[in-house]
Amino acid sequence: MLTLNRAKEINATMVTEDHLLLHELNVCYAMGAMARHFGENEEHWQAVGMLHDYDYEKYPEEHLNHTAEPLRAAGVEEEDIRAILSHGYGLRNDVKPISNMEKSLYTVDELTGIIQACARMRPKGIQDLEVKSFMKKFKDKKFAAKCNRELILNGCAMLGMDLKEVAEICIEGMKAHAAELQLLGSDSE
């Protein structure tokens, strides 16, 4: 089974830009929280989250087209490769998310972008971020405008979960890693 340390090793061969690494960590920890929610292996889901944008830095226009073969060669299992590919469903490919892991990755990839943006605006960062504040920002289409809200809502529907519930799970999962995610806020600087 893919470990987080192994995922970080593999990822380091392709991803060097700080903002991409930070995004992958946000997704990683949100995925761990989703795994806990579903009673699955937290580290395994974190590892898949860590690798989800493996080829993006080098191939942004062909994202996910350069993922499967190198990950296969690195010993990543087919189930994990499929989960990674499925986060591009409808945008980059037709790999429909089926498992809870796949549906979660599809959903939290964009969702964590809005959570991160919300947290960065707060004096205490993510430490005191509540779902109510997140929902206000989610409804403001100009806030974190590049984050695909329709995709997030589609993902929540696939999971059979309410947006508030998924957001709360992800916020809590990210809070535990606030320092590493650079989301402690301006009060802590």
C-alpha atoms as a PDB file:
ATOM      1  CA  MET A   1       0.000   0.000   0.000  1.00  0.00           C
ATOM      2  CA  LEU A   2       1.210   3.486  -0.900  1.00  0.00           C
ATOM      3  CA  THR A   3       2.613   5.353   2.107  1.00  0.00           C
ATOM      4  CA  LEU A   4       2.776   9.104   2.517  1.00  0.00           C
ATOM      5  CA  ASN A   5       6.587   9.038   2.647  1.00  0.00           C
ATOM      6  CA  ARG A   6       6.740   7.074  -0.607  1.00  0.00           C
ATOM      7  CA  ALA A   7       4.245   9.458  -2.237  1.00  0.00           C
ATOM      8  CA  LYS A   8       6.395  12.433  -1.193  1.00  0.00           C
ATOM      9  CA  GLU A   9       9.500  10.741  -2.655  1.00  0.00           C
ATOM     10  CA  ILE A  10       7.754  10.089  -5.968  1.00  0.00           C
ATOM     11  CA  ASN A  11       6.250  13.568  -6.021  1.00  0.00           C
ATOM     12  CA  ALA A  12       9.644  15.211  -5.439  1.00  0.00           C
ATOM     13  CA  THR A  13      10.852  13.827  -8.781  1.00  0.00           C
ATOM     14  CA  MET A  14       8.373  16.073 -10.620  1.00  0.00           C
ATOM     15  CA  VAL A  15       7.041  18.839  -8.375  1.00  0.00           C
ATOM     16  CA  THR A  16       9.312  21.656  -7.196  1.00  0.00           C
ATOM     17  CA  GLU A  17       7.143  24.795  -7.120  1.00  0.00           C
ATOM     18  CA  ASP A  18       6.175  25.820  -3.586  1.00  0.00           C
ATOM     19  CA  HIS A  19       2.590  26.786  -4.415  1.00  0.00           C
ATOM     20  CA  LEU A  20       1.960  23.378  -6.023  1.00  0.00           C
ATOM     21  CA  LEU A  21       3.497  21.533  -3.086  1.00  0.00           C
ATOM     22  CA  LEU A  22       1.337  23.554  -0.714  1.00  0.00           C
ATOM     23  CA  HIS A  23      -1.785  22.746  -2.737  1.00  0.00           C
ATOM     24  CA  GLU A  24      -0.901  19.053  -2.710  1.00  0.00           C
ATOM     25  CA  LEU A  25      -0.455  19.159   1.071  1.00  0.00           C
ATOM     26  CA  ASN A  26      -3.840  20.851   1.492  1.00  0.00           C
ATOM     27  CA  VAL A  27      -5.453  18.106  -0.576  1.00  0.00           C
ATOM     28  CA  CYS A  28      -3.394  15.455   1.228  1.00  0.00           C
ATOM     29  CA  TYR A  29      -4.655  16.437   4.671  1.00  0.00           C
ATOM     30  CA  ALA A  30      -8.230  16.967   3.499  1.00  0.00           C
ATOM     31  CA  MET A  31      -8.110  13.468   1.998  1.00  0.00           C
ATOM     32  CA  GLY A  32      -6.874  12.072   5.311  1.00  0.00           C
ATOM     33  CA  ALA A  33      -9.874  13.640   7.025  1.00  0.00           C
ATOM     34  CA  MET A  34     -12.218  12.171   4.412  1.00  0.00           C
ATOM     35  CA  ALA A  35     -10.638   8.743   4.949  1.00  0.00           C
ATOM     36  CA  ARG A  36     -11.345   9.043   8.686  1.00  0.00           C
ATOM     37  CA  HIS A  37     -14.941   9.949   7.892  1.00  0.00           C
ATOM     38  CA  PHE A  38     -15.353   6.818   5.766  1.00  0.00           C
ATOM     39  CA  GLY A  39     -13.415   4.558   8.148  1.00  0.00           C
ATOM     40  CA  GLU A  40     -10.600   4.050   5.627  1.00  0.00           C
ATOM     41  CA  ASN A  41      -6.804   4.151   5.886  1.00  0.00           C
ATOM     42  CA  GLU A  42      -5.913   7.796   6.501  1.00  0.00           C
ATOM     43  CA  GLU A  43      -2.283   7.653   5.393  1.00  0.00           C
ATOM     44  CA  HIS A  44      -3.169   5.816   2.184  1.00  0.00           C
ATOM     45  CA  TRP A  45      -5.712   8.475   1.192  1.00  0.00           C
ATOM     46  CA  GLN A  46      -3.236  11.219   2.148  1.00  0.00           C
ATOM     47  CA  ALA A  47      -0.632   9.616  -0.129  1.00  0.00           C
ATOM     48  CA  VAL A  48      -3.043   9.599  -3.069  1.00  0.00           C
ATOM     49  CA  GLY A  49      -3.876  13.250  -2.352  1.00  0.00           C
ATOM     50  CA  MET A  50      -0.170  14.077  -2.303  1.00  0.00           C
ATOM     51  CA  LEU A  51       0.316  12.641  -5.796  1.00  0.00           C
ATOM     52  CA  HIS A  52      -2.848  13.966  -7.433  1.00  0.00           C
ATOM     53  CA  ASP A  53      -1.100  16.735  -9.419  1.00  0.00           C
ATOM     54  CA  TYR A  54       2.055  14.724 -10.129  1.00  0.00           C
ATOM     55  CA  ASP A  55       2.456  15.892 -13.736  1.00  0.00           C
ATOM     56  CA  TYR A  56       0.879  19.366 -13.484  1.00  0.00           C
ATOM     57  CA  GLU A  57       4.058  21.441 -13.083  1.00  0.00           C
ATOM     58  CA  LYS A  58       5.750  20.013 -16.178  1.00  0.00           C
ATOM     59  CA  TYR A  59       2.621  19.478 -18.295  1.00  0.00           C
ATOM     60  CA  PRO A  60      -0.082  21.978 -17.218  1.00  0.00           C
ATOM     61  CA  GLU A  61      -1.820  21.840 -20.619  1.00  0.00           C
ATOM     62  CA  GLU A  62      -1.687  18.040 -20.675  1.00  0.00           C
ATOM     63  CA  HIS A  63      -2.341  17.464 -16.959  1.00  0.00           C
ATOM     64  CA  LEU A  64      -2.970  13.779 -16.139  1.00  0.00           C
ATOM     65  CA  ASN A  65      -1.726  12.610 -19.548  1.00  0.00           C
ATOM     66  CA  HIS A  66       1.749  12.044 -18.071  1.00  0.00           C
ATOM     67  CA  THR A  67       0.713  10.444 -14.798  1.00  0.00           C
ATOM     68  CA  ALA A  68      -0.217   6.776 -15.190  1.00  0.00           C
ATOM     69  CA  GLU A  69       2.968   5.333 -16.749  1.00  0.00           C
ATOM     70  CA  PRO A  70       5.520   7.035 -14.449  1.00  0.00           C
ATOM     71  CA  LEU A  71       3.465   6.184 -11.343  1.00  0.00           C
ATOM     72  CA  ARG A  72       3.085   2.591 -12.530  1.00  0.00           C
ATOM     73  CA  ALA A  73       6.860   2.424 -13.044  1.00  0.00           C
ATOM     74  CA  ALA A  74       7.336   3.769  -9.504  1.00  0.00           C
ATOM     75  CA  GLY A  75       5.234   0.893  -8.148  1.00  0.00           C
ATOM     76  CA  VAL A  76       1.989   2.770  -7.477  1.00  0.00           C
ATOM     77  CA  GLU A  77      -0.987   0.409  -7.548  1.00  0.00           C
ATOM     78  CA  GLU A  78      -3.621   0.636 -10.295  1.00  0.00           C
ATOM     79  CA  GLU A  79      -6.371   1.521  -7.804  1.00  0.00           C
ATOM     80  CA  ASP A  80      -4.399   4.587  -6.692  1.00  0.00           C
ATOM     81  CA  ILE A  81      -3.544   5.623 -10.246  1.00  0.00           C
ATOM     82  CA  ARG A  82      -7.208   5.375 -11.187  1.00  0.00           C
ATOM     83  CA  ALA A  83      -8.160   7.537  -8.194  1.00  0.00           C
ATOM     84  CA  ILE A  84      -5.638  10.182  -9.251  1.00  0.00           C
ATOM     85  CA  LEU A  85      -6.870  10.145 -12.845  1.00  0.00           C
ATOM     86  CA  SER A  86     -10.500  10.391 -11.717  1.00  0.00           C
ATOM     87  CA  HIS A  87     -10.030  13.873 -10.262  1.00  0.00           C
ATOM     88  CA  GLY A  88      -9.855  15.074 -13.870  1.00  0.00           C
ATOM     89  CA  TYR A  89     -13.280  13.652 -14.732  1.00  0.00           C
ATOM     90  CA  GLY A  90     -15.159  15.826 -17.200  1.00  0.00           C
ATOM     91  CA  LEU A  91     -12.242  18.255 -17.486  1.00  0.00           C
ATOM     92  CA  ARG A  92      -9.257  16.166 -18.598  1.00  0.00           C
ATOM     93  CA  ASN A  93     -10.634  12.666 -19.102  1.00  0.00           C
ATOM     94  CA  ASP A  94     -13.654  10.390 -18.739  1.00  0.00           C
ATOM     95  CA  VAL A  95     -12.437   8.423 -15.682  1.00  0.00           C
ATOM     96  CA  LYS A  96     -15.577   8.713 -13.575  1.00  0.00           C
ATOM     97  CA  PRO A  97     -15.057   8.711  -9.788  1.00  0.00           C
ATOM     98  CA  ILE A  98     -16.626   5.525  -8.412  1.00  0.00           C
ATOM     99  CA  SER A  99     -15.096   4.742  -5.010  1.00  0.00           C
ATOM    100  CA  ASN A 100     -15.345   7.023  -1.980  1.00  0.00           C
ATOM    101  CA  MET A 101     -11.620   7.781  -2.377  1.00  0.00           C
ATOM    102  CA  GLU A 102     -12.099   8.847  -5.984  1.00  0.00           C
ATOM    103  CA  LYS A 103     -15.199  10.922  -5.249  1.00  0.00           C
ATOM    104  CA  SER A 104     -13.431  12.571  -2.310  1.00  0.00           C
ATOM    105  CA  LEU A 105     -10.359  13.513  -4.341  1.00  0.00           C
ATOM    106  CA  TYR A 106     -12.551  14.873  -7.134  1.00  0.00           C
ATOM    107  CA  THR A 107     -14.364  17.070  -4.592  1.00  0.00           C
ATOM    108  CA  VAL A 108     -11.608  18.251  -2.245  1.00  0.00           C
ATOM    109  CA  ASP A 109      -9.131  19.263  -4.965  1.00  0.00           C
ATOM    110  CA  GLU A 110     -11.115  22.437  -5.679  1.00  0.00           C
ATOM    111  CA  LEU A 111     -12.706  22.703  -2.227  1.00  0.00           C
ATOM    112  CA  THR A 112      -9.356  23.069  -0.446  1.00  0.00           C
ATOM    113  CA  GLY A 113      -8.556  26.068  -2.662  1.00  0.00           C
ATOM    114  CA  ILE A 114     -11.520  27.977  -1.255  1.00  0.00           C
ATOM    115  CA  ILE A 115     -10.782  26.842   2.311  1.00  0.00           C
ATOM    116  CA  GLN A 116      -7.166  27.973   1.964  1.00  0.00           C
ATOM    117  CA  ALA A 117      -8.216  31.351   0.539  1.00  0.00           C
ATOM    118  CA  CYS A 118     -10.717  31.846   3.404  1.00  0.00           C
ATOM    119  CA  ALA A 119      -8.108  30.972   6.018  1.00  0.00           C
ATOM    120  CA  ARG A 120      -5.513  33.348   4.540  1.00  0.00           C
ATOM    121  CA  MET A 121      -7.866  36.299   5.092  1.00  0.00           C
ATOM    122  CA  ARG A 122      -8.315  35.635   8.801  1.00  0.00           C
ATOM    123  CA  PRO A 123      -6.044  36.900  11.620  1.00  0.00           C
ATOM    124  CA  LYS A 124      -6.019  33.406  13.165  1.00  0.00           C
ATOM    125  CA  GLY A 125      -5.873  31.657   9.801  1.00  0.00           C
ATOM    126  CA  ILE A 126      -7.630  28.317   9.697  1.00  0.00           C
ATOM    127  CA  GLN A 127      -7.472  27.907  13.476  1.00  0.00           C
ATOM    128  CA  ASP A 128     -10.874  29.521  14.052  1.00  0.00           C
ATOM    129  CA  LEU A 129     -12.395  29.065  10.586  1.00  0.00           C
ATOM    130  CA  GLU A 130     -15.950  27.785  10.819  1.00  0.00           C
ATOM    131  CA  VAL A 131     -18.174  26.349   8.121  1.00  0.00           C
ATOM    132  CA  LYS A 132     -20.497  29.366   8.348  1.00  0.00           C
ATOM    133  CA  SER A 133     -17.663  31.685   7.240  1.00  0.00           C
ATOM    134  CA  PHE A 134     -16.645  29.252   4.512  1.00  0.00           C
ATOM    135  CA  MET A 135     -20.206  29.116   3.161  1.00  0.00           C
ATOM    136  CA  LYS A 136     -20.384  32.919   2.874  1.00  0.00           C
ATOM    137  CA  LYS A 137     -17.213  32.915   0.781  1.00  0.00           C
ATOM    138  CA  PHE A 138     -18.361  29.894  -1.232  1.00  0.00           C
ATOM    139  CA  LYS A 139     -21.502  31.791  -2.276  1.00  0.00           C
ATOM    140  CA  ASP A 140     -19.397  34.792  -3.413  1.00  0.00           C
ATOM    141  CA  LYS A 141     -18.451  33.744  -6.957  1.00  0.00           C
ATOM    142  CA  LYS A 142     -15.776  36.469  -7.125  1.00  0.00           C
ATOM    143  CA  PHE A 143     -13.937  35.033  -4.106  1.00  0.00           C
ATOM    144  CA  ALA A 144     -11.373  32.399  -5.142  1.00  0.00           C
ATOM    145  CA  ALA A 145     -12.986  32.670  -8.554  1.00  0.00           C
ATOM    146  CA  LYS A 146     -10.735  30.055 -10.162  1.00  0.00           C
ATOM    147  CA  CYS A 147     -12.102  27.330  -7.873  1.00  0.00           C
ATOM    148  CA  ASN A 148     -14.811  25.411  -9.716  1.00  0.00           C
ATOM    149  CA  ARG A 149     -17.855  25.515  -7.442  1.00  0.00           C
ATOM    150  CA  GLU A 150     -20.006  23.448  -9.790  1.00  0.00           C
ATOM    151  CA  LEU A 151     -17.431  20.669  -9.683  1.00  0.00           C
ATOM    152  CA  ILE A 152     -17.374  20.810  -5.859  1.00  0.00           C
ATOM    153  CA  LEU A 153     -21.164  20.556  -5.701  1.00  0.00           C
ATOM    154  CA  ASN A 154     -21.146  17.686  -8.221  1.00  0.00           C
ATOM    155  CA  GLY A 155     -18.573  15.901  -6.071  1.00  0.00           C
ATOM    156  CA  CYS A 156     -20.655  16.386  -2.930  1.00  0.00           C
ATOM    157  CA  ALA A 157     -23.658  14.945  -4.786  1.00  0.00           C
ATOM    158  CA  MET A 158     -21.554  11.934  -5.878  1.00  0.00           C
ATOM    159  CA  LEU A 159     -20.590  11.410  -2.232  1.00  0.00           C
ATOM    160  CA  GLY A 160     -24.219  11.789  -1.134  1.00  0.00           C
ATOM    161  CA  MET A 161     -23.075  14.480   1.287  1.00  0.00           C
ATOM    162  CA  ASP A 162     -23.953  18.101   1.927  1.00  0.00           C
ATOM    163  CA  LEU A 163     -21.345  20.753   1.043  1.00  0.00           C
ATOM    164  CA  LYS A 164     -21.284  21.960   4.670  1.00  0.00           C
ATOM    165  CA  GLU A 165     -20.471  18.461   5.903  1.00  0.00           C
ATOM    166  CA  VAL A 166     -17.629  17.927   3.429  1.00  0.00           C
ATOM    167  CA  ALA A 167     -16.240  21.414   4.102  1.00  0.00           C
ATOM    168  CA  GLU A 168     -16.310  20.845   7.852  1.00  0.00           C
ATOM    169  CA  ILE A 169     -14.450  17.541   7.523  1.00  0.00           C
ATOM    170  CA  CYS A 170     -11.799  19.154   5.305  1.00  0.00           C
ATOM    171  CA  ILE A 171     -11.404  22.257   7.480  1.00  0.00           C
ATOM    172  CA  GLU A 172     -10.869  20.095  10.562  1.00  0.00           C
ATOM    173  CA  GLY A 173      -8.393  17.891   8.697  1.00  0.00           C
ATOM    174  CA  MET A 174      -6.430  20.931   7.554  1.00  0.00           C
ATOM    175  CA  LYS A 175      -6.531  22.626  10.983  1.00  0.00           C
ATOM    176  CA  ALA A 176      -4.430  19.834  12.453  1.00  0.00           C
ATOM    177  CA  HIS A 177      -1.647  20.818  10.030  1.00  0.00           C
ATOM    178  CA  ALA A 178      -2.121  24.611  10.101  1.00  0.00           C
ATOM    179  CA  ALA A 179       1.571  25.438  10.550  1.00  0.00           C
ATOM    180  CA  GLU A 180       2.755  23.179   7.713  1.00  0.00           C
ATOM    181  CA  LEU A 181       0.006  24.565   5.463  1.00  0.00           C
ATOM    182  CA  GLN A 182       1.047  28.146   6.334  1.00  0.00           C
ATOM    183  CA  LEU A 183      -2.459  28.816   7.643  1.00  0.00           C
ATOM    184  CA  LEU A 184      -1.760  29.992  11.195  1.00  0.00           C
ATOM    185  CA  GLY A 185      -2.781  33.531  10.269  1.00  0.00           C
ATOM    186  CA  SER A 186      -1.225  36.961  10.692  1.00  0.00           C
ATOM    187  CA  ASP A 187      -1.620  36.881  14.509  1.00  0.00           C
ATOM    188  CA  SER A 188       1.036  34.194  14.739  1.00  0.00           C
ATOM    189  CA  GLU A 189       3.697  35.939  12.622  1.00  0.00           C
END
